[in-house]
Amino acid sequence: MQKFNQTYHNMSANNAKQYWRKNLKYVSILLSIWFLVSFVFGILLVDELNTIRLGGFKLGFWFAQQGSIYVFVILIFVYIKLMNKLDKEFGFNKD
């Protein structure tokens, strides 16, 4: 953690802004996907999606009950991968 703080303080203001701009871009995109899956697919479009079946269940029901949770967990792993890549790009990796 001390190495992280030292590296962060040595960053130029421009690099710090680029780092956080990319981080906020990633978070915005991933939260938009989660909103789309959980709210739009699970609530707003549930009637239209219920005309399609997935594993014996109506697709709208599946998104509302399980799909949004699965997508959320997948998005966590995607965020971890993206942040590890971003940390390496800006010199925050532990290596």
C-alpha atoms as a PDB file:
ATOM      1  CA  MET A   1       0.000   0.000   0.000  1.00  0.00           C
ATOM      2  CA  GLN A   2       2.869   2.347   0.779  1.00  0.00           C
ATOM      3  CA  LYS A   3       4.332   1.753  -2.697  1.00  0.00           C
ATOM      4  CA  PHE A   4       0.921   2.548  -4.200  1.00  0.00           C
ATOM      5  CA  ASN A   5       0.661   5.830  -2.280  1.00  0.00           C
ATOM      6  CA  GLN A   6       4.207   6.807  -3.212  1.00  0.00           C
ATOM      7  CA  THR A   7       3.590   6.027  -6.897  1.00  0.00           C
ATOM      8  CA  TYR A   8       0.286   7.916  -6.844  1.00  0.00           C
ATOM      9  CA  HIS A   9       1.860  11.017  -5.316  1.00  0.00           C
ATOM     10  CA  ASN A  10       4.634  10.943  -7.918  1.00  0.00           C
ATOM     11  CA  MET A  11       2.118  10.970 -10.775  1.00  0.00           C
ATOM     12  CA  SER A  12       1.699  14.172 -12.690  1.00  0.00           C
ATOM     13  CA  ALA A  13      -1.652  15.880 -12.407  1.00  0.00           C
ATOM     14  CA  ASN A  14      -2.345  15.073 -16.053  1.00  0.00           C
ATOM     15  CA  ASN A  15      -1.689  11.335 -15.541  1.00  0.00           C
ATOM     16  CA  ALA A  16      -3.883  11.300 -12.444  1.00  0.00           C
ATOM     17  CA  LYS A  17      -6.726  12.913 -14.410  1.00  0.00           C
ATOM     18  CA  GLN A  18      -6.312  10.409 -17.248  1.00  0.00           C
ATOM     19  CA  TYR A  19      -6.344   7.524 -14.769  1.00  0.00           C
ATOM     20  CA  TRP A  20      -9.555   8.663 -13.092  1.00  0.00           C
ATOM     21  CA  ARG A  21     -11.181   9.606 -16.402  1.00  0.00           C
ATOM     22  CA  LYS A  22     -10.629   6.058 -17.677  1.00  0.00           C
ATOM     23  CA  ASN A  23     -11.766   4.589 -14.354  1.00  0.00           C
ATOM     24  CA  LEU A  24     -14.998   6.618 -14.443  1.00  0.00           C
ATOM     25  CA  LYS A  25     -15.538   5.615 -18.070  1.00  0.00           C
ATOM     26  CA  TYR A  26     -15.257   1.927 -17.124  1.00  0.00           C
ATOM     27  CA  VAL A  27     -17.586   2.343 -14.146  1.00  0.00           C
ATOM     28  CA  SER A  28     -20.149   4.269 -16.227  1.00  0.00           C
ATOM     29  CA  ILE A  29     -20.208   1.643 -18.966  1.00  0.00           C
ATOM     30  CA  LEU A  30     -20.462  -1.279 -16.543  1.00  0.00           C
ATOM     31  CA  LEU A  31     -23.200   0.381 -14.473  1.00  0.00           C
ATOM     32  CA  SER A  32     -25.111   1.161 -17.679  1.00  0.00           C
ATOM     33  CA  ILE A  33     -24.966  -2.511 -18.649  1.00  0.00           C
ATOM     34  CA  TRP A  34     -26.155  -3.509 -15.173  1.00  0.00           C
ATOM     35  CA  PHE A  35     -29.010  -0.963 -15.355  1.00  0.00           C
ATOM     36  CA  LEU A  36     -30.009  -2.236 -18.787  1.00  0.00           C
ATOM     37  CA  VAL A  37     -30.086  -5.853 -17.664  1.00  0.00           C
ATOM     38  CA  SER A  38     -31.654  -5.405 -14.233  1.00  0.00           C
ATOM     39  CA  PHE A  39     -34.109  -2.532 -14.757  1.00  0.00           C
ATOM     40  CA  VAL A  40     -34.877  -2.406 -18.466  1.00  0.00           C
ATOM     41  CA  PHE A  41     -34.860  -6.169 -19.180  1.00  0.00           C
ATOM     42  CA  GLY A  42     -36.114  -7.228 -15.740  1.00  0.00           C
ATOM     43  CA  ILE A  43     -38.879  -4.639 -15.314  1.00  0.00           C
ATOM     44  CA  LEU A  44     -39.678  -2.495 -18.353  1.00  0.00           C
ATOM     45  CA  LEU A  45     -39.407  -5.118 -21.103  1.00  0.00           C
ATOM     46  CA  VAL A  46     -40.468  -8.100 -19.034  1.00  0.00           C
ATOM     47  CA  ASP A  47     -43.708  -8.681 -20.979  1.00  0.00           C
ATOM     48  CA  GLU A  48     -41.951  -8.645 -24.346  1.00  0.00           C
ATOM     49  CA  LEU A  49     -39.141 -10.885 -23.105  1.00  0.00           C
ATOM     50  CA  ASN A  50     -41.602 -13.342 -21.561  1.00  0.00           C
ATOM     51  CA  THR A  51     -42.537 -14.446 -25.085  1.00  0.00           C
ATOM     52  CA  ILE A  52     -39.073 -16.079 -25.280  1.00  0.00           C
ATOM     53  CA  ARG A  53     -38.221 -19.134 -23.181  1.00  0.00           C
ATOM     54  CA  LEU A  54     -34.815 -19.949 -21.675  1.00  0.00           C
ATOM     55  CA  GLY A  55     -34.390 -23.330 -20.033  1.00  0.00           C
ATOM     56  CA  GLY A  56     -38.137 -23.695 -19.629  1.00  0.00           C
ATOM     57  CA  PHE A  57     -38.553 -20.270 -18.002  1.00  0.00           C
ATOM     58  CA  LYS A  58     -39.801 -17.052 -19.542  1.00  0.00           C
ATOM     59  CA  LEU A  59     -36.836 -14.811 -20.407  1.00  0.00           C
ATOM     60  CA  GLY A  60     -38.273 -11.747 -18.631  1.00  0.00           C
ATOM     61  CA  PHE A  61     -38.727 -13.777 -15.459  1.00  0.00           C
ATOM     62  CA  TRP A  62     -35.189 -15.155 -15.828  1.00  0.00           C
ATOM     63  CA  PHE A  63     -33.669 -11.665 -16.117  1.00  0.00           C
ATOM     64  CA  ALA A  64     -35.649 -10.416 -13.133  1.00  0.00           C
ATOM     65  CA  GLN A  65     -34.807 -13.376 -10.893  1.00  0.00           C
ATOM     66  CA  GLN A  66     -31.371 -14.642 -11.903  1.00  0.00           C
ATOM     67  CA  GLY A  67     -30.029 -12.981 -15.030  1.00  0.00           C
ATOM     68  CA  SER A  68     -29.329  -9.625 -13.454  1.00  0.00           C
ATOM     69  CA  ILE A  69     -27.444 -11.308 -10.604  1.00  0.00           C
ATOM     70  CA  TYR A  70     -25.336 -13.374 -13.025  1.00  0.00           C
ATOM     71  CA  VAL A  71     -24.578 -10.316 -15.120  1.00  0.00           C
ATOM     72  CA  PHE A  72     -23.634  -8.343 -11.992  1.00  0.00           C
ATOM     73  CA  VAL A  73     -21.133 -11.021 -10.919  1.00  0.00           C
ATOM     74  CA  ILE A  74     -19.679 -11.148 -14.442  1.00  0.00           C
ATOM     75  CA  LEU A  75     -19.356  -7.346 -14.433  1.00  0.00           C
ATOM     76  CA  ILE A  76     -17.379  -7.538 -11.179  1.00  0.00           C
ATOM     77  CA  PHE A  77     -14.821  -9.805 -12.844  1.00  0.00           C
ATOM     78  CA  VAL A  78     -14.739  -7.601 -15.954  1.00  0.00           C
ATOM     79  CA  TYR A  79     -14.098  -4.563 -13.725  1.00  0.00           C
ATOM     80  CA  ILE A  80     -11.260  -6.366 -11.958  1.00  0.00           C
ATOM     81  CA  LYS A  81      -9.656  -7.234 -15.292  1.00  0.00           C
ATOM     82  CA  LEU A  82     -10.061  -3.692 -16.621  1.00  0.00           C
ATOM     83  CA  MET A  83      -8.654  -2.119 -13.460  1.00  0.00           C
ATOM     84  CA  ASN A  84      -5.667  -4.467 -13.385  1.00  0.00           C
ATOM     85  CA  LYS A  85      -4.943  -3.454 -16.977  1.00  0.00           C
ATOM     86  CA  LEU A  86      -5.371   0.231 -16.118  1.00  0.00           C
ATOM     87  CA  ASP A  87      -3.124  -0.083 -13.062  1.00  0.00           C
ATOM     88  CA  LYS A  88      -0.401  -1.668 -15.182  1.00  0.00           C
ATOM     89  CA  GLU A  89      -0.782   1.086 -17.773  1.00  0.00           C
ATOM     90  CA  PHE A  90      -0.231   3.775 -15.138  1.00  0.00           C
ATOM     91  CA  GLY A  91       2.401   1.914 -13.097  1.00  0.00           C
ATOM     92  CA  PHE A  92       0.292   0.830 -10.112  1.00  0.00           C
ATOM     93  CA  ASN A  93       0.891  -2.905 -10.518  1.00  0.00           C
ATOM     94  CA  LYS A  94       2.644  -4.778  -7.723  1.00  0.00           C
ATOM     95  CA  ASP A  95       5.402  -6.112  -9.996  1.00  0.00           C
END
